[in-house]
């Protein structure tokens, strides 16, 4: 990156106009414009002043070792991502904290660190998110990269939500564009997209939309009134949970549910428990077995395996990250053995067969 491009980048990050920078240096705004267009260069005597204004070293202005630093930043991000994908979120935070200490002006590291902290804190039930909020606020106040800013807004909203700062979360939500203004929806109507690129773009939109629909149905089914009573009757909740399963099975007739299986598994567990509470053991066992099928699928389909059903054929939604190395079948077994209403079924032979199959997968995959 040239000196002019570096000055332009740092000036924008500091939210300083060309006129303001010129005033600080005692020169004309035209001179600053000439620098940023790489037509001229600042005098060597001006470098310390520029470095002081931008709070960087002169080596940054001169581009010394910038590429080397960028490579180290990429390596740190890759190491953190590898740790996170293996479920070692604490390790990812450790790597990113060290990287942030070395490169305190890297907005990519700030965003990834904030993301990793949210993953760790939310899983541990921590409600203190001040460090996440500080990182996101800094990105929003200094960074000019639109995508990093969007990610910071999303993380800031999550941090407010987990911290119980409802008013701050709602205020932030008002700054976000409605769903119809999303990139995915915009690209859905880009008629020039053809071939593999066009299909992948629309599959990405379909996957994002489906995730929203399934999450919304789950939240609607569990919604409660102000006094804590359920909004929906048991019959309505059963209908909603079944819809979640049927939508997934309709979209993936080949059984290539991939990461979507986690939604179906959760809905099946809710159905099994609801039927068991109603004393309908036959239906409870039916849905419990389907929950086991989905849990086993999650543990065996392979990280990032592509779909085979028509709508998503060839598209990969990625894979799921085991929490502390624990498999979905292990979580299901824990749920089945806890003091849930489903425990009424534990003497049934079908129940024991489901347990045996899940245990086999939990131990061998």
Foldseek 3Di string as FASTA:
>chain_A
DALLCLLVQLCVLQVHQLCRVCVQVVHHSVVNVCSNVVVDHDDPVCLVVSCVVSVHDSCSSHVPCPVVLVVVVVVLQVVLVVCVQQQNLVVSLVSLVVNCVVVVPDLVSLLSNLVSVLVVCVVVLNLDSVSSLVSLVSCCNGPPPVVSVVSSLVSNLSNCVSNVVVVVNVVSVVVDDPPCPDPLNVLLPVVVDDDPRSLQSVLVSVVVVLVVVLVVLVCLLQDADPVRHRPDDLVVSLVSLVVLLVVQCVQAVVPPSAPSLVSNLVSLCVQLLSCLVVVNNVRNLVSLLSSLVSQLCLLPVDFQDFGCGPSRGPHTPGHDHDNVNFGSLNVSLVVCPDPGSNVVCVVPPSNVVSNVVSVVSRPPD
